[in-house]
């Protein structure tokens, strides 16, 4: 059985946020996911499906304990902060 799209996203675009200071909020985590999907040329799951998948992995929308990393992080930051370009 192959690795799911969600598991690939979590592996490639997130890292544990041990101290919780930079944990991604709900909108940030889903936005990062959509950036990752765009870069990987795949269709993102609807928000409800995405959060259902996060719940099965015990990732909460209120305290994800994840931070962003990698190419999707750069894409997301530039997309949400155009003044940085």
N, C-alpha and C. Protein backbone atom coordinates (compact mmCIF):
# COMPACT_ATOMS: atom_id res chain seq x y z
N UNK A 1 0.84 -1.18 0.00
CA UNK A 1 0.00 0.00 0.00
C UNK A 1 0.88 1.25 0.00
N UNK A 2 0.56 2.20 -0.84
CA UNK A 2 1.36 3.41 -0.95
C UNK A 2 1.06 4.41 0.16
N UNK A 3 1.89 5.42 0.22
CA UNK A 3 1.72 6.48 1.19
C UNK A 3 0.61 7.41 0.71
N UNK A 4 -0.29 7.79 1.59
CA UNK A 4 -1.40 8.66 1.21
C UNK A 4 -0.90 10.07 0.94
N UNK A 5 -1.70 10.81 0.19
CA UNK A 5 -1.38 12.20 -0.13
C UNK A 5 -1.23 13.02 1.16
N UNK A 6 -2.09 12.79 2.12
CA UNK A 6 -2.02 13.53 3.39
C UNK A 6 -0.74 13.19 4.14
N UNK A 7 -0.36 11.92 4.16
CA UNK A 7 0.88 11.53 4.84
C UNK A 7 2.09 12.13 4.15
N UNK A 8 2.08 12.17 2.82
CA UNK A 8 3.18 12.81 2.08
C UNK A 8 3.26 14.29 2.44
N UNK A 9 2.10 14.95 2.47
CA UNK A 9 2.06 16.37 2.84
C UNK A 9 2.67 16.57 4.22
N UNK A 10 2.22 15.81 5.19
CA UNK A 10 2.73 15.96 6.55
C UNK A 10 4.23 15.72 6.62
N UNK A 11 4.71 14.74 5.88
CA UNK A 11 6.13 14.41 5.87
C UNK A 11 6.98 15.48 5.20
N UNK A 12 6.48 16.02 4.09
CA UNK A 12 7.27 16.95 3.27
C UNK A 12 7.11 18.42 3.66
N UNK A 13 6.00 18.79 4.26
CA UNK A 13 5.73 20.21 4.46
C UNK A 13 5.56 20.63 5.92
N UNK A 14 5.63 19.68 6.84
CA UNK A 14 5.49 20.03 8.25
C UNK A 14 6.59 19.37 9.08
N UNK A 15 6.80 19.93 10.24
CA UNK A 15 7.73 19.37 11.21
C UNK A 15 7.13 19.61 12.60
N UNK A 16 7.49 18.78 13.56
CA UNK A 16 6.95 18.98 14.91
C UNK A 16 7.37 20.33 15.48
N UNK A 17 6.46 20.98 16.16
CA UNK A 17 6.74 22.22 16.88
C UNK A 17 6.74 21.87 18.36
N UNK A 18 7.90 21.49 18.85
CA UNK A 18 8.02 20.95 20.20
C UNK A 18 7.56 21.91 21.29
N UNK A 19 7.94 23.18 21.18
CA UNK A 19 7.59 24.12 22.24
C UNK A 19 6.23 24.78 22.04
N UNK A 20 5.64 24.61 20.88
CA UNK A 20 4.31 25.14 20.63
C UNK A 20 4.26 26.61 20.28
N UNK A 21 5.42 27.27 20.20
CA UNK A 21 5.44 28.70 19.91
C UNK A 21 5.06 29.05 18.48
N UNK A 22 5.31 28.14 17.55
CA UNK A 22 5.05 28.44 16.13
C UNK A 22 4.05 27.47 15.52
N UNK A 23 3.20 26.86 16.34
CA UNK A 23 2.22 25.90 15.82
C UNK A 23 1.28 26.56 14.83
N UNK A 24 1.05 25.85 13.74
CA UNK A 24 0.16 26.37 12.70
C UNK A 24 -1.28 26.39 13.17
N UNK A 25 -1.95 27.49 12.87
CA UNK A 25 -3.39 27.59 13.15
C UNK A 25 -4.15 26.85 12.06
N UNK A 26 -5.44 26.69 12.27
CA UNK A 26 -6.30 25.94 11.36
C UNK A 26 -6.19 26.44 9.92
N UNK A 27 -6.36 27.75 9.71
CA UNK A 27 -6.31 28.29 8.35
C UNK A 27 -4.92 28.18 7.74
N UNK A 28 -3.88 28.30 8.56
CA UNK A 28 -2.52 28.18 8.05
C UNK A 28 -2.20 26.76 7.61
N UNK A 29 -2.62 25.77 8.39
CA UNK A 29 -2.33 24.38 8.04
C UNK A 29 -3.04 23.99 6.75
N UNK A 30 -4.29 24.37 6.60
CA UNK A 30 -5.01 24.04 5.36
C UNK A 30 -4.42 24.82 4.19
N UNK A 31 -4.05 26.07 4.40
CA UNK A 31 -3.41 26.86 3.35
C UNK A 31 -2.08 26.26 2.91
N UNK A 32 -1.30 25.79 3.87
CA UNK A 32 -0.05 25.11 3.56
C UNK A 32 -0.31 23.86 2.74
N UNK A 33 -1.34 23.13 3.11
CA UNK A 33 -1.72 21.92 2.37
C UNK A 33 -2.09 22.25 0.92
N UNK A 34 -2.87 23.31 0.72
CA UNK A 34 -3.25 23.66 -0.66
C UNK A 34 -2.03 24.12 -1.46
N UNK A 35 -1.09 24.81 -0.82
CA UNK A 35 0.16 25.17 -1.51
C UNK A 35 0.95 23.92 -1.88
N UNK A 36 1.02 22.97 -0.96
CA UNK A 36 1.74 21.73 -1.23
C UNK A 36 1.08 20.99 -2.40
N UNK A 37 -0.25 20.95 -2.41
CA UNK A 37 -0.96 20.28 -3.51
C UNK A 37 -0.65 20.95 -4.84
N UNK A 38 -0.66 22.28 -4.88
CA UNK A 38 -0.36 22.99 -6.11
C UNK A 38 1.04 22.63 -6.61
N UNK A 39 2.01 22.64 -5.72
CA UNK A 39 3.38 22.32 -6.11
C UNK A 39 3.53 20.88 -6.58
N UNK A 40 2.69 20.00 -6.08
CA UNK A 40 2.75 18.59 -6.44
C UNK A 40 1.72 18.19 -7.48
N UNK A 41 1.06 19.20 -8.04
CA UNK A 41 0.09 19.01 -9.12
C UNK A 41 -0.98 17.98 -8.77
N UNK A 42 -1.55 18.14 -7.59
CA UNK A 42 -2.66 17.27 -7.20
C UNK A 42 -3.80 18.13 -6.67
N UNK A 43 -4.98 17.60 -6.74
CA UNK A 43 -6.17 18.33 -6.32
C UNK A 43 -6.32 18.21 -4.80
N UNK A 44 -6.42 19.35 -4.11
CA UNK A 44 -6.57 19.28 -2.66
C UNK A 44 -7.94 18.75 -2.25
N UNK A 45 -7.96 18.07 -1.14
CA UNK A 45 -9.22 17.62 -0.56
C UNK A 45 -9.98 18.84 -0.04
N UNK A 46 -11.28 18.73 0.00
CA UNK A 46 -12.09 19.79 0.60
C UNK A 46 -11.70 19.94 2.07
N UNK A 47 -11.93 21.10 2.62
CA UNK A 47 -11.52 21.37 4.00
C UNK A 47 -12.08 20.35 4.99
N UNK A 48 -13.33 19.98 4.84
CA UNK A 48 -13.93 19.00 5.76
C UNK A 48 -13.24 17.65 5.70
N UNK A 49 -12.92 17.21 4.50
CA UNK A 49 -12.22 15.93 4.34
C UNK A 49 -10.80 16.03 4.90
N UNK A 50 -10.14 17.16 4.65
CA UNK A 50 -8.79 17.38 5.18
C UNK A 50 -8.80 17.26 6.70
N UNK A 51 -9.74 17.96 7.36
CA UNK A 51 -9.77 17.94 8.82
C UNK A 51 -10.19 16.59 9.37
N UNK A 52 -10.97 15.85 8.63
CA UNK A 52 -11.30 14.49 9.03
C UNK A 52 -10.04 13.63 9.03
N UNK A 53 -9.22 13.80 8.00
CA UNK A 53 -7.94 13.08 7.93
C UNK A 53 -7.00 13.51 9.05
N UNK A 54 -6.98 14.79 9.36
CA UNK A 54 -6.12 15.27 10.45
C UNK A 54 -6.58 14.66 11.78
N UNK A 55 -7.88 14.58 11.96
CA UNK A 55 -8.42 14.01 13.20
C UNK A 55 -7.98 12.56 13.38
N UNK A 56 -7.97 11.78 12.29
CA UNK A 56 -7.54 10.38 12.41
C UNK A 56 -6.06 10.28 12.77
N UNK A 57 -5.31 11.35 12.51
CA UNK A 57 -3.89 11.39 12.86
C UNK A 57 -3.64 12.13 14.17
N UNK A 58 -4.73 12.47 14.86
CA UNK A 58 -4.68 13.17 16.14
C UNK A 58 -4.03 14.54 16.05
N UNK A 59 -4.26 15.20 14.93
CA UNK A 59 -3.79 16.57 14.74
C UNK A 59 -5.01 17.47 14.90
N UNK A 60 -4.95 18.35 15.89
CA UNK A 60 -6.10 19.20 16.20
C UNK A 60 -6.00 20.54 15.48
N UNK A 61 -7.13 21.06 15.08
CA UNK A 61 -7.15 22.36 14.40
C UNK A 61 -6.84 23.49 15.38
N UNK A 62 -7.08 23.28 16.66
CA UNK A 62 -6.84 24.32 17.65
C UNK A 62 -5.40 24.35 18.14
N UNK A 63 -4.69 23.26 18.02
CA UNK A 63 -3.29 23.18 18.46
C UNK A 63 -2.61 22.06 17.69
N UNK A 64 -2.15 22.39 16.49
CA UNK A 64 -1.62 21.36 15.59
C UNK A 64 -0.30 20.78 16.06
N UNK A 65 0.47 21.56 16.82
CA UNK A 65 1.83 21.15 17.22
C UNK A 65 2.72 20.89 16.00
N UNK A 66 2.40 21.59 14.90
CA UNK A 66 3.19 21.47 13.67
C UNK A 66 3.65 22.85 13.23
N UNK A 67 4.80 22.89 12.59
CA UNK A 67 5.27 24.12 11.94
C UNK A 67 5.51 23.80 10.48
N UNK A 68 5.58 24.83 9.65
CA UNK A 68 5.76 24.59 8.22
C UNK A 68 7.23 24.53 7.86
N UNK A 69 7.52 23.78 6.79
CA UNK A 69 8.88 23.65 6.31
C UNK A 69 8.86 23.30 4.82
N UNK A 70 9.97 23.50 4.14
CA UNK A 70 10.09 23.08 2.75
C UNK A 70 9.53 24.07 1.74
N UNK A 71 9.43 23.59 0.50
CA UNK A 71 9.00 24.42 -0.62
C UNK A 71 7.57 24.92 -0.45
N UNK A 72 6.69 24.09 0.09
CA UNK A 72 5.30 24.52 0.28
C UNK A 72 5.24 25.67 1.28
N UNK A 73 6.11 25.66 2.27
CA UNK A 73 6.15 26.76 3.25
C UNK A 73 6.51 28.07 2.56
N UNK A 74 7.54 28.02 1.71
CA UNK A 74 7.94 29.23 0.98
C UNK A 74 6.81 29.71 0.08
N UNK A 75 6.16 28.80 -0.62
CA UNK A 75 5.06 29.16 -1.50
C UNK A 75 3.91 29.78 -0.70
N UNK A 76 3.57 29.18 0.40
CA UNK A 76 2.47 29.69 1.23
C UNK A 76 2.79 31.07 1.77
N UNK A 77 4.00 31.26 2.27
CA UNK A 77 4.38 32.56 2.83
C UNK A 77 4.33 33.64 1.75
N UNK A 78 4.87 33.36 0.58
CA UNK A 78 4.85 34.34 -0.50
C UNK A 78 3.43 34.62 -0.99
N UNK A 79 2.58 33.62 -0.99
CA UNK A 79 1.19 33.81 -1.44
C UNK A 79 0.38 34.63 -0.43
N UNK A 80 0.70 34.51 0.83
CA UNK A 80 -0.08 35.21 1.85
C UNK A 80 0.55 36.53 2.28
N UNK A 81 1.77 36.76 1.88
CA UNK A 81 2.47 38.01 2.21
C UNK A 81 3.13 38.59 0.96
N UNK A 82 2.33 39.05 -0.01
CA UNK A 82 2.90 39.53 -1.28
C UNK A 82 3.85 40.71 -1.11
N UNK A 83 3.76 41.44 -0.02
CA UNK A 83 4.67 42.56 0.21
C UNK A 83 6.12 42.10 0.39
N UNK A 84 6.31 40.83 0.69
CA UNK A 84 7.66 40.30 0.87
C UNK A 84 8.40 40.10 -0.44
N UNK A 85 7.65 40.07 -1.54
CA UNK A 85 8.26 39.80 -2.84
C UNK A 85 8.92 41.03 -3.38
